[in-house]
């Protein structure tokens, strides 16, 4: 029960600053692009998108935690299973929003 709460807190601790546009250097350093290839790369948009993804994942973890606390196995499982569609949706948004 502690592990989902810790993961949720970590997602929130990183997701909130990212969704406010802070930490774009951190996101762009992992993008794999060289300096000369970063033309047209919107670092602020990418950072905000990753922040939104992390907050959405924290919401999925909250569902799993509520399911665990309520003793509802299906809700607990649903919280974890929602992580995959959440990541896929944000990936599609990211791929369609590139310049």
N, C-alpha and C. Protein backbone atom coordinates (compact mmCIF):
# COMPACT_ATOMS: atom_id res chain seq x y z
N UNK A 1 0.83 -1.19 0.00
CA UNK A 1 0.00 0.00 0.00
C UNK A 1 0.87 1.26 0.00
N UNK A 2 2.06 1.16 0.54
CA UNK A 2 2.95 2.31 0.60
C UNK A 2 3.56 2.59 -0.78
N UNK A 3 3.82 1.55 -1.54
CA UNK A 3 4.48 1.72 -2.84
C UNK A 3 3.65 2.56 -3.81
N UNK A 4 2.33 2.31 -3.99
CA UNK A 4 1.56 3.19 -4.88
C UNK A 4 1.54 4.64 -4.39
N UNK A 5 1.51 4.85 -3.08
CA UNK A 5 1.51 6.22 -2.55
C UNK A 5 2.84 6.92 -2.84
N UNK A 6 3.94 6.19 -2.72
CA UNK A 6 5.26 6.77 -3.00
C UNK A 6 5.39 7.09 -4.49
N UNK A 7 4.94 6.18 -5.33
CA UNK A 7 5.00 6.41 -6.78
C UNK A 7 4.13 7.60 -7.17
N UNK A 8 2.93 7.68 -6.59
CA UNK A 8 2.03 8.79 -6.86
C UNK A 8 2.67 10.11 -6.42
N UNK A 9 3.28 10.13 -5.26
CA UNK A 9 3.94 11.34 -4.77
C UNK A 9 5.10 11.74 -5.68
N UNK A 10 5.84 10.76 -6.17
CA UNK A 10 6.95 11.06 -7.08
C UNK A 10 6.44 11.64 -8.40
N UNK A 11 5.37 11.06 -8.93
CA UNK A 11 4.79 11.60 -10.16
C UNK A 11 4.32 13.04 -9.95
N UNK A 12 3.69 13.31 -8.81
CA UNK A 12 3.23 14.67 -8.54
C UNK A 12 4.39 15.63 -8.31
N UNK A 13 5.40 15.17 -7.59
CA UNK A 13 6.55 16.04 -7.28
C UNK A 13 7.28 16.47 -8.53
N UNK A 14 7.32 15.62 -9.53
CA UNK A 14 7.99 15.97 -10.78
C UNK A 14 7.01 16.57 -11.78
N UNK A 15 5.77 16.09 -11.78
CA UNK A 15 4.79 16.52 -12.76
C UNK A 15 4.31 17.95 -12.60
N UNK A 16 4.15 18.40 -11.35
CA UNK A 16 3.66 19.76 -11.14
C UNK A 16 4.64 20.81 -11.66
N UNK A 17 5.93 20.73 -11.31
CA UNK A 17 6.85 21.73 -11.89
C UNK A 17 6.94 21.64 -13.42
N UNK A 18 6.92 20.42 -13.95
CA UNK A 18 6.98 20.27 -15.40
C UNK A 18 5.75 20.89 -16.06
N UNK A 19 4.57 20.69 -15.48
CA UNK A 19 3.36 21.24 -16.10
C UNK A 19 3.33 22.76 -16.04
N UNK A 20 4.13 23.35 -15.15
CA UNK A 20 4.26 24.80 -15.09
C UNK A 20 5.36 25.32 -16.01
N UNK A 21 6.02 24.41 -16.71
CA UNK A 21 7.04 24.79 -17.66
C UNK A 21 8.45 24.84 -17.08
N UNK A 22 8.61 24.44 -15.84
CA UNK A 22 9.93 24.44 -15.20
C UNK A 22 10.64 23.13 -15.51
N UNK A 23 11.95 23.19 -15.66
CA UNK A 23 12.72 21.97 -15.89
C UNK A 23 12.84 21.56 -17.34
N UNK A 24 12.71 22.51 -18.26
CA UNK A 24 12.79 22.14 -19.67
C UNK A 24 14.18 21.64 -20.05
N UNK A 25 15.21 22.08 -19.31
CA UNK A 25 16.56 21.59 -19.59
C UNK A 25 16.64 20.09 -19.33
N UNK A 26 15.95 19.64 -18.30
CA UNK A 26 15.93 18.22 -17.95
C UNK A 26 15.27 17.40 -19.05
N UNK A 27 14.16 17.87 -19.57
CA UNK A 27 13.43 17.16 -20.62
C UNK A 27 14.23 17.16 -21.92
N UNK A 28 14.78 18.31 -22.29
CA UNK A 28 15.50 18.38 -23.56
C UNK A 28 16.80 17.61 -23.53
N UNK A 29 17.38 17.44 -22.36
CA UNK A 29 18.63 16.67 -22.29
C UNK A 29 18.38 15.19 -22.58
N UNK A 30 17.16 14.71 -22.36
CA UNK A 30 16.83 13.32 -22.63
C UNK A 30 16.13 13.13 -23.96
N UNK A 31 16.00 14.20 -24.75
CA UNK A 31 15.30 14.07 -26.02
C UNK A 31 16.14 13.38 -27.08
N UNK A 32 17.46 13.34 -26.87
CA UNK A 32 18.34 12.68 -27.81
C UNK A 32 18.71 13.51 -29.01
N UNK A 33 18.33 14.77 -29.01
CA UNK A 33 18.64 15.63 -30.14
C UNK A 33 19.92 16.40 -29.87
N UNK A 34 20.71 16.56 -30.91
CA UNK A 34 21.92 17.37 -30.80
C UNK A 34 21.52 18.83 -30.93
N UNK A 35 22.42 19.71 -30.54
CA UNK A 35 22.13 21.14 -30.56
C UNK A 35 21.69 21.63 -31.95
N UNK A 36 22.36 21.16 -32.99
CA UNK A 36 22.01 21.63 -34.32
C UNK A 36 20.68 21.06 -34.81
N UNK A 37 20.17 20.00 -34.17
CA UNK A 37 18.90 19.41 -34.59
C UNK A 37 17.71 19.96 -33.82
N UNK A 38 17.94 20.84 -32.87
CA UNK A 38 16.86 21.32 -32.02
C UNK A 38 16.06 22.46 -32.65
N UNK A 39 16.29 22.76 -33.91
CA UNK A 39 15.50 23.79 -34.59
C UNK A 39 14.05 23.33 -34.65
N UNK A 40 13.15 24.17 -34.24
CA UNK A 40 11.73 23.84 -34.26
C UNK A 40 11.29 22.97 -33.09
N UNK A 41 12.19 22.65 -32.17
CA UNK A 41 11.85 21.84 -31.01
C UNK A 41 11.32 22.76 -29.92
N UNK A 42 10.07 22.62 -29.57
CA UNK A 42 9.45 23.48 -28.57
C UNK A 42 9.64 22.84 -27.19
N UNK A 43 10.68 23.26 -26.49
CA UNK A 43 11.02 22.66 -25.21
C UNK A 43 9.95 22.93 -24.16
N UNK A 44 9.37 24.11 -24.17
CA UNK A 44 8.34 24.42 -23.17
C UNK A 44 7.10 23.57 -23.38
N UNK A 45 6.70 23.38 -24.62
CA UNK A 45 5.54 22.55 -24.91
C UNK A 45 5.79 21.10 -24.49
N UNK A 46 6.99 20.61 -24.80
CA UNK A 46 7.35 19.25 -24.45
C UNK A 46 7.36 19.06 -22.93
N UNK A 47 7.89 20.05 -22.22
CA UNK A 47 7.95 19.98 -20.76
C UNK A 47 6.55 19.97 -20.17
N UNK A 48 5.68 20.84 -20.66
CA UNK A 48 4.31 20.88 -20.15
C UNK A 48 3.56 19.59 -20.47
N UNK A 49 3.81 19.02 -21.63
CA UNK A 49 3.17 17.76 -21.99
C UNK A 49 3.63 16.62 -21.07
N UNK A 50 4.92 16.57 -20.78
CA UNK A 50 5.43 15.55 -19.86
C UNK A 50 4.89 15.75 -18.45
N UNK A 51 4.73 17.00 -18.04
CA UNK A 51 4.12 17.28 -16.74
C UNK A 51 2.69 16.81 -16.68
N UNK A 52 1.94 17.04 -17.75
CA UNK A 52 0.56 16.57 -17.81
C UNK A 52 0.49 15.05 -17.78
N UNK A 53 1.42 14.40 -18.47
CA UNK A 53 1.47 12.94 -18.45
C UNK A 53 1.73 12.43 -17.05
N UNK A 54 2.66 13.04 -16.35
CA UNK A 54 2.98 12.58 -15.00
C UNK A 54 1.82 12.81 -14.04
N UNK A 55 1.10 13.91 -14.19
CA UNK A 55 -0.06 14.15 -13.34
C UNK A 55 -1.17 13.15 -13.65
N UNK A 56 -1.34 12.83 -14.93
CA UNK A 56 -2.33 11.81 -15.31
C UNK A 56 -1.95 10.44 -14.74
N UNK A 57 -0.66 10.11 -14.77
CA UNK A 57 -0.20 8.85 -14.19
C UNK A 57 -0.40 8.84 -12.68
N UNK A 58 -0.22 9.99 -12.05
CA UNK A 58 -0.48 10.09 -10.61
C UNK A 58 -1.96 9.85 -10.32
N UNK A 59 -2.82 10.30 -11.21
CA UNK A 59 -4.25 10.03 -11.07
C UNK A 59 -4.56 8.54 -11.18
N UNK A 60 -3.88 7.87 -12.10
CA UNK A 60 -4.05 6.41 -12.23
C UNK A 60 -3.58 5.71 -10.97
N UNK A 61 -2.48 6.17 -10.42
CA UNK A 61 -1.97 5.58 -9.18
C UNK A 61 -2.92 5.86 -8.02
N UNK A 62 -3.59 7.01 -8.03
CA UNK A 62 -4.59 7.32 -7.00
C UNK A 62 -5.75 6.35 -7.08
N UNK A 63 -6.18 6.03 -8.28
CA UNK A 63 -7.26 5.04 -8.45
C UNK A 63 -6.82 3.70 -7.90
N UNK A 64 -5.59 3.30 -8.19
CA UNK A 64 -5.06 2.03 -7.68
C UNK A 64 -4.98 2.05 -6.16
N UNK A 65 -4.57 3.18 -5.59
CA UNK A 65 -4.47 3.30 -4.14
C UNK A 65 -5.84 3.25 -3.48
N UNK A 66 -6.81 3.93 -4.05
CA UNK A 66 -8.18 3.88 -3.52
C UNK A 66 -8.72 2.47 -3.59
N UNK A 67 -8.46 1.78 -4.70
CA UNK A 67 -8.89 0.39 -4.82
C UNK A 67 -8.26 -0.50 -3.77
N UNK A 68 -6.99 -0.26 -3.49
CA UNK A 68 -6.29 -1.06 -2.47
C UNK A 68 -6.86 -0.78 -1.08
N UNK A 69 -7.10 0.49 -0.78
CA UNK A 69 -7.63 0.85 0.53
C UNK A 69 -9.06 0.36 0.72
N UNK A 70 -9.85 0.39 -0.36
CA UNK A 70 -11.24 -0.05 -0.28
C UNK A 70 -11.37 -1.57 -0.36
N UNK A 71 -10.30 -2.25 -0.66
CA UNK A 71 -10.35 -3.70 -0.80
C UNK A 71 -11.01 -4.15 -2.08
N UNK A 72 -11.03 -3.27 -3.06
CA UNK A 72 -11.65 -3.58 -4.34
C UNK A 72 -10.55 -3.97 -5.33
N UNK A 73 -10.47 -5.25 -5.61
CA UNK A 73 -9.43 -5.75 -6.49
C UNK A 73 -9.53 -5.22 -7.91
N UNK A 74 -10.75 -5.10 -8.42
CA UNK A 74 -10.91 -4.64 -9.80
C UNK A 74 -10.51 -3.17 -9.94
N UNK A 75 -10.80 -2.35 -8.93
CA UNK A 75 -10.42 -0.94 -8.99
C UNK A 75 -8.90 -0.79 -8.87
N UNK A 76 -8.30 -1.59 -8.04
CA UNK A 76 -6.85 -1.59 -7.88
C UNK A 76 -6.18 -1.95 -9.21
N UNK A 77 -6.67 -3.00 -9.84
CA UNK A 77 -6.13 -3.44 -11.12
C UNK A 77 -6.41 -2.41 -12.22
N UNK A 78 -7.58 -1.80 -12.19
CA UNK A 78 -7.93 -0.80 -13.20
C UNK A 78 -7.00 0.40 -13.14
N UNK A 79 -6.61 0.79 -11.93
CA UNK A 79 -5.69 1.91 -11.79
C UNK A 79 -4.36 1.64 -12.48
N UNK A 80 -3.84 0.43 -12.29
CA UNK A 80 -2.58 0.08 -12.95
C UNK A 80 -2.76 -0.10 -14.45
N UNK A 81 -3.88 -0.67 -14.86
CA UNK A 81 -4.12 -0.90 -16.29
C UNK A 81 -4.34 0.40 -17.05
N UNK A 82 -4.78 1.45 -16.37
CA UNK A 82 -4.99 2.73 -17.03
C UNK A 82 -3.68 3.45 -17.36
N UNK A 83 -2.58 3.02 -16.76
CA UNK A 83 -1.30 3.65 -17.04
C UNK A 83 -0.89 3.49 -18.51
N UNK A 84 -1.15 2.34 -19.08
CA UNK A 84 -0.74 2.08 -20.47
C UNK A 84 -1.54 2.94 -21.45
N UNK A 85 -2.89 2.94 -21.39
CA UNK A 85 -3.61 3.82 -22.32
C UNK A 85 -3.28 5.29 -22.13
N UNK A 86 -3.03 5.68 -20.89
CA UNK A 86 -2.65 7.06 -20.61
C UNK A 86 -1.36 7.42 -21.33
N UNK A 87 -0.36 6.57 -21.24
CA UNK A 87 0.91 6.81 -21.91
C UNK A 87 0.75 6.82 -23.43
N UNK A 88 -0.09 5.93 -23.95
CA UNK A 88 -0.32 5.88 -25.40
C UNK A 88 -1.00 7.15 -25.88
N UNK A 89 -2.00 7.62 -25.15
CA UNK A 89 -2.71 8.85 -25.54
C UNK A 89 -1.76 10.03 -25.57
N UNK A 90 -0.93 10.17 -24.55
CA UNK A 90 0.00 11.30 -24.52
C UNK A 90 1.07 11.16 -25.60
N UNK A 91 1.45 9.95 -25.95
CA UNK A 91 2.41 9.75 -27.04
C UNK A 91 1.80 10.18 -28.37
N UNK A 92 0.55 9.82 -28.60
CA UNK A 92 -0.13 10.22 -29.83
C UNK A 92 -0.27 11.74 -29.90
N UNK A 93 -0.61 12.36 -28.77
CA UNK A 93 -0.71 13.82 -28.74
C UNK A 93 0.64 14.45 -29.06
N UNK A 94 1.70 13.88 -28.49
CA UNK A 94 3.04 14.41 -28.73
C UNK A 94 3.44 14.26 -30.19
N UNK A 95 3.17 13.11 -30.78
CA UNK A 95 3.57 12.87 -32.17
C UNK A 95 2.78 13.75 -33.13
N UNK A 96 1.53 14.03 -32.84
CA UNK A 96 0.71 14.85 -33.72
C UNK A 96 0.95 16.33 -33.54
N UNK A 97 1.60 16.71 -32.45
CA UNK A 97 1.80 18.12 -32.19
C UNK A 97 3.16 18.64 -32.59
N UNK A 98 4.01 17.80 -33.18
CA UNK A 98 5.35 18.25 -33.56
C UNK A 98 5.28 19.14 -34.78
N UNK A 99 6.23 20.05 -34.83
CA UNK A 99 6.28 20.98 -35.97
C UNK A 99 6.94 20.34 -37.15
